[in-house]
Amino acid sequence: MSISNVKVIPDGSGLFTKYMGMLISKDHDGFGQRSWRYMAVINDGIVEKWWQEPGINNSGSDDDPYKETTPENTLKYLSASK
């Protein structure tokens, strides 16, 4: 598999996460504001593909899902869209 021109961009301030509606409260775990798990392919400033884990909430009533946002799902998408 050969994928090029990919840049991983962190969201250190959490502003992108906030504006995308993915900032949640983890106060019940002592963490404060955190990002719900999501992942996106952004091409020239346009969200081309979006994944997020099901069950977004502020109550902690989840089992911390990690199925949709795996690196393998991104690689599979990028490989298929070449």
PDB file of N, CA and C in Angstrom:
ATOM      1  N   MET A   1       0.849  -1.165   0.000  1.00  0.00           N
ATOM      2  CA  MET A   1       0.000   0.000   0.000  1.00  0.00           C
ATOM      3  C   MET A   1       0.897   1.231   0.000  1.00  0.00           C
ATOM      4  N   SER A   2       0.606   2.154  -0.884  1.00  0.00           N
ATOM      5  CA  SER A   2       1.397   3.371  -0.979  1.00  0.00           C
ATOM      6  C   SER A   2       0.485   4.589  -0.906  1.00  0.00           C
ATOM      7  N   ILE A   3       0.490   5.253   0.230  1.00  0.00           N
ATOM      8  CA  ILE A   3      -0.313   6.457   0.436  1.00  0.00           C
ATOM      9  C   ILE A   3       0.655   7.595   0.689  1.00  0.00           C
ATOM     10  N   SER A   4       0.457   8.702  -0.019  1.00  0.00           N
ATOM     11  CA  SER A   4       1.373   9.839   0.150  1.00  0.00           C
ATOM     12  C   SER A   4       0.586  11.119   0.407  1.00  0.00           C
ATOM     13  N   ASN A   5       1.319  12.153   0.761  1.00  0.00           N
ATOM     14  CA  ASN A   5       0.748  13.482   1.008  1.00  0.00           C
ATOM     15  C   ASN A   5      -0.292  13.486   2.122  1.00  0.00           C
ATOM     16  N   VAL A   6      -0.007  12.768   3.188  1.00  0.00           N
ATOM     17  CA  VAL A   6      -0.884  12.721   4.345  1.00  0.00           C
ATOM     18  C   VAL A   6      -0.196  13.453   5.491  1.00  0.00           C
ATOM     19  N   LYS A   7      -0.934  14.332   6.147  1.00  0.00           N
ATOM     20  CA  LYS A   7      -0.393  15.057   7.284  1.00  0.00           C
ATOM     21  C   LYS A   7      -1.359  14.894   8.450  1.00  0.00           C
ATOM     22  N   VAL A   8      -0.872  14.392   9.556  1.00  0.00           N
ATOM     23  CA  VAL A   8      -1.677  14.250  10.764  1.00  0.00           C
ATOM     24  C   VAL A   8      -1.600  15.582  11.510  1.00  0.00           C
ATOM     25  N   ILE A   9      -2.763  16.144  11.817  1.00  0.00           N
ATOM     26  CA  ILE A   9      -2.811  17.466  12.449  1.00  0.00           C
ATOM     27  C   ILE A   9      -3.456  17.342  13.827  1.00  0.00           C
ATOM     28  N   PRO A  10      -2.734  17.681  14.891  1.00  0.00           N
ATOM     29  CA  PRO A  10      -3.325  17.636  16.231  1.00  0.00           C
ATOM     30  C   PRO A  10      -4.242  18.838  16.468  1.00  0.00           C
ATOM     31  N   ASP A  11      -5.110  18.721  17.436  1.00  0.00           N
ATOM     32  CA  ASP A  11      -6.014  19.806  17.827  1.00  0.00           C
ATOM     33  C   ASP A  11      -5.696  20.189  19.263  1.00  0.00           C
ATOM     34  N   GLY A  12      -4.509  20.718  19.468  1.00  0.00           N
ATOM     35  CA  GLY A  12      -4.004  21.003  20.806  1.00  0.00           C
ATOM     36  C   GLY A  12      -4.893  21.890  21.646  1.00  0.00           C
ATOM     37  N   SER A  13      -5.525  22.898  21.049  1.00  0.00           N
ATOM     38  CA  SER A  13      -6.379  23.812  21.815  1.00  0.00           C
ATOM     39  C   SER A  13      -7.801  23.291  21.949  1.00  0.00           C
ATOM     40  N   GLY A  14      -8.172  22.300  21.160  1.00  0.00           N
ATOM     41  CA  GLY A  14      -9.524  21.751  21.215  1.00  0.00           C
ATOM     42  C   GLY A  14     -10.564  22.582  20.490  1.00  0.00           C
ATOM     43  N   LEU A  15     -10.153  23.649  19.802  1.00  0.00           N
ATOM     44  CA  LEU A  15     -11.128  24.509  19.128  1.00  0.00           C
ATOM     45  C   LEU A  15     -11.830  23.812  17.970  1.00  0.00           C
ATOM     46  N   PHE A  16     -11.098  23.077  17.154  1.00  0.00           N
ATOM     47  CA  PHE A  16     -11.735  22.358  16.051  1.00  0.00           C
ATOM     48  C   PHE A  16     -12.753  21.378  16.617  1.00  0.00           C
ATOM     49  N   THR A  17     -12.331  20.648  17.652  1.00  0.00           N
ATOM     50  CA  THR A  17     -13.210  19.674  18.297  1.00  0.00           C
ATOM     51  C   THR A  17     -14.466  20.354  18.832  1.00  0.00           C
ATOM     52  N   LYS A  18     -14.303  21.498  19.466  1.00  0.00           N
ATOM     53  CA  LYS A  18     -15.443  22.244  19.997  1.00  0.00           C
ATOM     54  C   LYS A  18     -16.386  22.655  18.868  1.00  0.00           C
ATOM     55  N   TYR A  19     -15.847  23.233  17.813  1.00  0.00           N
ATOM     56  CA  TYR A  19     -16.680  23.728  16.715  1.00  0.00           C
ATOM     57  C   TYR A  19     -17.353  22.596  15.940  1.00  0.00           C
ATOM     58  N   MET A  20     -16.794  21.395  16.007  1.00  0.00           N
ATOM     59  CA  MET A  20     -17.408  20.245  15.345  1.00  0.00           C
ATOM     60  C   MET A  20     -18.425  19.543  16.252  1.00  0.00           C
ATOM     61  N   GLY A  21     -18.615  20.069  17.462  1.00  0.00           N
ATOM     62  CA  GLY A  21     -19.592  19.501  18.384  1.00  0.00           C
ATOM     63  C   GLY A  21     -19.136  18.214  19.037  1.00  0.00           C
ATOM     64  N   MET A  22     -17.834  18.014  19.116  1.00  0.00           N
ATOM     65  CA  MET A  22     -17.301  16.761  19.643  1.00  0.00           C
ATOM     66  C   MET A  22     -16.599  16.924  20.994  1.00  0.00           C
ATOM     67  N   LEU A  23     -16.690  18.107  21.604  1.00  0.00           N
ATOM     68  CA  LEU A  23     -16.084  18.344  22.907  1.00  0.00           C
ATOM     69  C   LEU A  23     -17.095  17.946  23.982  1.00  0.00           C
ATOM     70  N   ILE A  24     -16.685  17.055  24.861  1.00  0.00           N
ATOM     71  CA  ILE A  24     -17.582  16.556  25.900  1.00  0.00           C
ATOM     72  C   ILE A  24     -16.953  16.753  27.275  1.00  0.00           C
ATOM     73  N   SER A  25     -17.770  16.611  28.290  1.00  0.00           N
ATOM     74  CA  SER A  25     -17.300  16.739  29.661  1.00  0.00           C
ATOM     75  C   SER A  25     -16.966  15.357  30.210  1.00  0.00           C
ATOM     76  N   LYS A  26     -15.776  15.237  30.745  1.00  0.00           N
ATOM     77  CA  LYS A  26     -15.376  14.012  31.444  1.00  0.00           C
ATOM     78  C   LYS A  26     -15.085  14.339  32.915  1.00  0.00           C
ATOM     79  N   ASP A  27     -15.826  15.350  33.421  1.00  0.00           N
ATOM     80  CA  ASP A  27     -15.638  15.766  34.812  1.00  0.00           C
ATOM     81  C   ASP A  27     -15.825  14.611  35.782  1.00  0.00           C
ATOM     82  N   HIS A  28     -16.750  13.716  35.485  1.00  0.00           N
ATOM     83  CA  HIS A  28     -17.023  12.572  36.360  1.00  0.00           C
ATOM     84  C   HIS A  28     -15.808  11.653  36.478  1.00  0.00           C
ATOM     85  N   ASP A  29     -14.870  11.745  35.511  1.00  0.00           N
ATOM     86  CA  ASP A  29     -13.637  10.955  35.569  1.00  0.00           C
ATOM     87  C   ASP A  29     -12.443  11.800  36.005  1.00  0.00           C
ATOM     88  N   GLY A  30     -12.696  13.091  36.310  1.00  0.00           N
ATOM     89  CA  GLY A  30     -11.633  13.983  36.733  1.00  0.00           C
ATOM     90  C   GLY A  30     -10.803  14.547  35.598  1.00  0.00           C
ATOM     91  N   PHE A  31     -11.313  14.484  34.364  1.00  0.00           N
ATOM     92  CA  PHE A  31     -10.538  14.927  33.201  1.00  0.00           C
ATOM     93  C   PHE A  31     -10.961  16.280  32.644  1.00  0.00           C
ATOM     94  N   GLY A  32     -12.139  16.792  32.977  1.00  0.00           N
ATOM     95  CA  GLY A  32     -12.612  18.054  32.397  1.00  0.00           C
ATOM     96  C   GLY A  32     -13.067  17.856  30.959  1.00  0.00           C
ATOM     97  N   GLN A  33     -12.858  18.870  30.136  1.00  0.00           N
ATOM     98  CA  GLN A  33     -13.284  18.822  28.742  1.00  0.00           C
ATOM     99  C   GLN A  33     -12.337  17.943  27.920  1.00  0.00           C
ATOM    100  N   ARG A  34     -12.924  17.035  27.164  1.00  0.00           N
ATOM    101  CA  ARG A  34     -12.165  16.113  26.333  1.00  0.00           C
ATOM    102  C   ARG A  34     -12.843  15.971  24.991  1.00  0.00           C
ATOM    103  N   SER A  35     -12.110  15.407  24.068  1.00  0.00           N
ATOM    104  CA  SER A  35     -12.646  15.127  22.745  1.00  0.00           C
ATOM    105  C   SER A  35     -13.308  13.754  22.739  1.00  0.00           C
ATOM    106  N   TRP A  36     -14.530  13.695  22.185  1.00  0.00           N
ATOM    107  CA  TRP A  36     -15.111  12.401  21.886  1.00  0.00           C
ATOM    108  C   TRP A  36     -14.298  11.836  20.740  1.00  0.00           C
ATOM    109  N   ARG A  37     -14.190  10.526  20.641  1.00  0.00           N
ATOM    110  CA  ARG A  37     -13.370   9.946  19.569  1.00  0.00           C
ATOM    111  C   ARG A  37     -14.011  10.176  18.208  1.00  0.00           C
ATOM    112  N   TYR A  38     -13.264  10.847  17.358  1.00  0.00           N
ATOM    113  CA  TYR A  38     -13.665  11.052  15.972  1.00  0.00           C
ATOM    114  C   TYR A  38     -12.418  11.096  15.118  1.00  0.00           C
ATOM    115  N   MET A  39     -12.630  10.988  13.828  1.00  0.00           N
ATOM    116  CA  MET A  39     -11.512  10.998  12.889  1.00  0.00           C
ATOM    117  C   MET A  39     -12.061  11.524  11.574  1.00  0.00           C
ATOM    118  N   ALA A  40     -11.248  12.259  10.847  1.00  0.00           N
ATOM    119  CA  ALA A  40     -11.707  12.833   9.588  1.00  0.00           C
ATOM    120  C   ALA A  40     -10.590  12.837   8.561  1.00  0.00           C
ATOM    121  N   VAL A  41     -10.991  12.730   7.314  1.00  0.00           N
ATOM    122  CA  VAL A  41     -10.090  12.995   6.200  1.00  0.00           C
ATOM    123  C   VAL A  41     -10.509  14.364   5.679  1.00  0.00           C
ATOM    124  N   ILE A  42      -9.583  15.303   5.723  1.00  0.00           N
ATOM    125  CA  ILE A  42      -9.858  16.670   5.291  1.00  0.00           C
ATOM    126  C   ILE A  42      -8.971  16.952   4.089  1.00  0.00           C
ATOM    127  N   ASN A  43      -9.594  17.292   2.980  1.00  0.00           N
ATOM    128  CA  ASN A  43      -8.893  17.502   1.717  1.00  0.00           C
ATOM    129  C   ASN A  43      -9.077  18.953   1.293  1.00  0.00           C
ATOM    130  N   ASP A  44      -7.997  19.713   1.289  1.00  0.00           N
ATOM    131  CA  ASP A  44      -8.041  21.145   0.943  1.00  0.00           C
ATOM    132  C   ASP A  44      -9.088  21.899   1.755  1.00  0.00           C
ATOM    133  N   GLY A  45      -9.161  21.623   3.050  1.00  0.00           N
ATOM    134  CA  GLY A  45     -10.063  22.328   3.949  1.00  0.00           C
ATOM    135  C   GLY A  45     -11.495  21.816   3.945  1.00  0.00           C
ATOM    136  N   ILE A  46     -11.787  20.780   3.177  1.00  0.00           N
ATOM    137  CA  ILE A  46     -13.132  20.201   3.102  1.00  0.00           C
ATOM    138  C   ILE A  46     -13.128  18.832   3.789  1.00  0.00           C
ATOM    139  N   VAL A  47     -14.100  18.625   4.688  1.00  0.00           N
ATOM    140  CA  VAL A  47     -14.224  17.312   5.328  1.00  0.00           C
ATOM    141  C   VAL A  47     -14.747  16.340   4.273  1.00  0.00           C
ATOM    142  N   GLU A  48     -13.875  15.439   3.877  1.00  0.00           N
ATOM    143  CA  GLU A  48     -14.192  14.454   2.834  1.00  0.00           C
ATOM    144  C   GLU A  48     -14.838  13.203   3.426  1.00  0.00           C
ATOM    145  N   LYS A  49     -14.369  12.797   4.589  1.00  0.00           N
ATOM    146  CA  LYS A  49     -14.888  11.587   5.245  1.00  0.00           C
ATOM    147  C   LYS A  49     -14.813  11.792   6.753  1.00  0.00           C
ATOM    148  N   TRP A  50     -15.843  11.337   7.448  1.00  0.00           N
ATOM    149  CA  TRP A  50     -15.944  11.530   8.897  1.00  0.00           C
ATOM    150  C   TRP A  50     -16.331  10.219   9.567  1.00  0.00           C
ATOM    151  N   TRP A  51     -15.660   9.907  10.652  1.00  0.00           N
ATOM    152  CA  TRP A  51     -16.008   8.765  11.495  1.00  0.00           C
ATOM    153  C   TRP A  51     -16.121   9.269  12.925  1.00  0.00           C
ATOM    154  N   GLN A  52     -17.036   8.721  13.676  1.00  0.00           N
ATOM    155  CA  GLN A  52     -17.066   8.995  15.113  1.00  0.00           C
ATOM    156  C   GLN A  52     -17.625   7.775  15.820  1.00  0.00           C
ATOM    157  N   GLU A  53     -17.227   7.631  17.057  1.00  0.00           N
ATOM    158  CA  GLU A  53     -17.715   6.516  17.845  1.00  0.00           C
ATOM    159  C   GLU A  53     -19.162   6.791  18.251  1.00  0.00           C
ATOM    160  N   PRO A  54     -19.985   5.759  18.318  1.00  0.00           N
ATOM    161  CA  PRO A  54     -21.388   5.943  18.701  1.00  0.00           C
ATOM    162  C   PRO A  54     -21.523   6.283  20.185  1.00  0.00           C
ATOM    163  N   GLY A  55     -22.632   6.927  20.525  1.00  0.00           N
ATOM    164  CA  GLY A  55     -22.986   7.133  21.927  1.00  0.00           C
ATOM    165  C   GLY A  55     -22.430   8.382  22.573  1.00  0.00           C
ATOM    166  N   ILE A  56     -22.101   9.419  21.795  1.00  0.00           N
ATOM    167  CA  ILE A  56     -21.532  10.640  22.387  1.00  0.00           C
ATOM    168  C   ILE A  56     -22.399  11.124  23.551  1.00  0.00           C
ATOM    169  N   ASN A  57     -21.753  11.439  24.675  1.00  0.00           N
ATOM    170  CA  ASN A  57     -22.489  11.862  25.865  1.00  0.00           C
ATOM    171  C   ASN A  57     -21.555  12.553  26.843  1.00  0.00           C
ATOM    172  N   ASN A  58     -22.132  13.275  27.773  1.00  0.00           N
ATOM    173  CA  ASN A  58     -21.386  13.926  28.844  1.00  0.00           C
ATOM    174  C   ASN A  58     -21.508  13.191  30.173  1.00  0.00           C
ATOM    175  N   SER A  59     -22.282  12.121  30.205  1.00  0.00           N
ATOM    176  CA  SER A  59     -22.590  11.474  31.478  1.00  0.00           C
ATOM    177  C   SER A  59     -21.638  10.336  31.837  1.00  0.00           C
ATOM    178  N   GLY A  60     -20.825   9.905  30.886  1.00  0.00           N
ATOM    179  CA  GLY A  60     -19.948   8.769  31.154  1.00  0.00           C
ATOM    180  C   GLY A  60     -20.675   7.450  31.038  1.00  0.00           C
ATOM    181  N   SER A  61     -21.832   7.474  30.385  1.00  0.00           N
ATOM    182  CA  SER A  61     -22.634   6.250  30.261  1.00  0.00           C
ATOM    183  C   SER A  61     -22.245   5.446  29.019  1.00  0.00           C
ATOM    184  N   ASP A  62     -20.970   5.383  28.760  1.00  0.00           N
ATOM    185  CA  ASP A  62     -20.495   4.635  27.600  1.00  0.00           C
ATOM    186  C   ASP A  62     -19.393   3.677  28.044  1.00  0.00           C
ATOM    187  N   ASP A  63     -19.058   2.772  27.169  1.00  0.00           N
ATOM    188  CA  ASP A  63     -17.982   1.830  27.481  1.00  0.00           C
ATOM    189  C   ASP A  63     -16.685   2.239  26.771  1.00  0.00           C
ATOM    190  N   ASP A  64     -16.560   3.546  26.466  1.00  0.00           N
ATOM    191  CA  ASP A  64     -15.381   4.090  25.788  1.00  0.00           C
ATOM    192  C   ASP A  64     -15.142   3.356  24.463  1.00  0.00           C
ATOM    193  N   PRO A  65     -16.118   3.435  23.550  1.00  0.00           N
ATOM    194  CA  PRO A  65     -16.032   2.672  22.302  1.00  0.00           C
ATOM    195  C   PRO A  65     -14.831   3.070  21.444  1.00  0.00           C
ATOM    196  N   TYR A  66     -14.280   2.093  20.760  1.00  0.00           N
ATOM    197  CA  TYR A  66     -13.155   2.315  19.847  1.00  0.00           C
ATOM    198  C   TYR A  66     -13.243   1.282  18.732  1.00  0.00           C
ATOM    199  N   LYS A  67     -14.133   1.567  17.770  1.00  0.00           N
ATOM    200  CA  LYS A  67     -14.318   0.670  16.641  1.00  0.00           C
ATOM    201  C   LYS A  67     -14.273   1.426  15.314  1.00  0.00           C
ATOM    202  N   GLU A  68     -14.951   2.556  15.248  1.00  0.00           N
ATOM    203  CA  GLU A  68     -15.064   3.323  14.002  1.00  0.00           C
ATOM    204  C   GLU A  68     -13.802   4.132  13.685  1.00  0.00           C
ATOM    205  N   THR A  69     -13.110   4.610  14.706  1.00  0.00           N
ATOM    206  CA  THR A  69     -12.028   5.573  14.515  1.00  0.00           C
ATOM    207  C   THR A  69     -10.632   4.949  14.527  1.00  0.00           C
ATOM    208  N   THR A  70     -10.535   3.713  14.116  1.00  0.00           N
ATOM    209  CA  THR A  70      -9.241   3.038  14.103  1.00  0.00           C
ATOM    210  C   THR A  70      -8.415   3.478  12.898  1.00  0.00           C
ATOM    211  N   PRO A  71      -7.105   3.449  13.014  1.00  0.00           N
ATOM    212  CA  PRO A  71      -6.246   3.762  11.865  1.00  0.00           C
ATOM    213  C   PRO A  71      -6.537   2.855  10.669  1.00  0.00           C
ATOM    214  N   GLU A  72      -6.901   1.615  10.941  1.00  0.00           N
ATOM    215  CA  GLU A  72      -7.194   0.675   9.851  1.00  0.00           C
ATOM    216  C   GLU A  72      -8.363   1.161   8.992  1.00  0.00           C
ATOM    217  N   ASN A  73      -9.389   1.752   9.624  1.00  0.00           N
ATOM    218  CA  ASN A  73     -10.519   2.288   8.846  1.00  0.00           C
ATOM    219  C   ASN A  73     -10.084   3.439   7.948  1.00  0.00           C
ATOM    220  N   THR A  74      -9.196   4.288   8.447  1.00  0.00           N
ATOM    221  CA  THR A  74      -8.690   5.387   7.616  1.00  0.00           C
ATOM    222  C   THR A  74      -7.881   4.840   6.452  1.00  0.00           C
ATOM    223  N   LEU A  75      -6.985   3.925   6.721  1.00  0.00           N
ATOM    224  CA  LEU A  75      -6.152   3.369   5.654  1.00  0.00           C
ATOM    225  C   LEU A  75      -6.999   2.657   4.602  1.00  0.00           C
ATOM    226  N   LYS A  76      -8.008   1.944   5.052  1.00  0.00           N
ATOM    227  CA  LYS A  76      -8.911   1.263   4.125  1.00  0.00           C
ATOM    228  C   LYS A  76      -9.611   2.278   3.223  1.00  0.00           C
ATOM    229  N   TYR A  77     -10.105   3.361   3.799  1.00  0.00           N
ATOM    230  CA  TYR A  77     -10.767   4.419   3.033  1.00  0.00           C
ATOM    231  C   TYR A  77      -9.800   5.064   2.035  1.00  0.00           C
ATOM    232  N   LEU A  78      -8.614   5.430   2.521  1.00  0.00           N
ATOM    233  CA  LEU A  78      -7.632   6.090   1.647  1.00  0.00           C
ATOM    234  C   LEU A  78      -7.187   5.182   0.516  1.00  0.00           C
ATOM    235  N   SER A  79      -7.020   3.904   0.795  1.00  0.00           N
ATOM    236  CA  SER A  79      -6.614   2.955  -0.236  1.00  0.00           C
ATOM    237  C   SER A  79      -7.689   2.796  -1.314  1.00  0.00           C
ATOM    238  N   ALA A  80      -8.950   2.773  -0.880  1.00  0.00           N
ATOM    239  CA  ALA A  80     -10.063   2.581  -1.818  1.00  0.00           C
ATOM    240  C   ALA A  80     -10.346   3.831  -2.658  1.00  0.00           C
ATOM    241  N   SER A  81      -9.968   4.993  -2.147  1.00  0.00           N
ATOM    242  CA  SER A  81     -10.298   6.235  -2.862  1.00  0.00           C
ATOM    243  C   SER A  81      -9.186   6.722  -3.779  1.00  0.00           C
ATOM    244  N   LYS A  82      -8.148   5.897  -3.966  1.00  0.00           N
ATOM    245  CA  LYS A  82      -7.048   6.292  -4.842  1.00  0.00           C
ATOM    246  C   LYS A  82      -7.430   6.165  -6.307  1.00  0.00           C
TER     247      LYS A  82
END
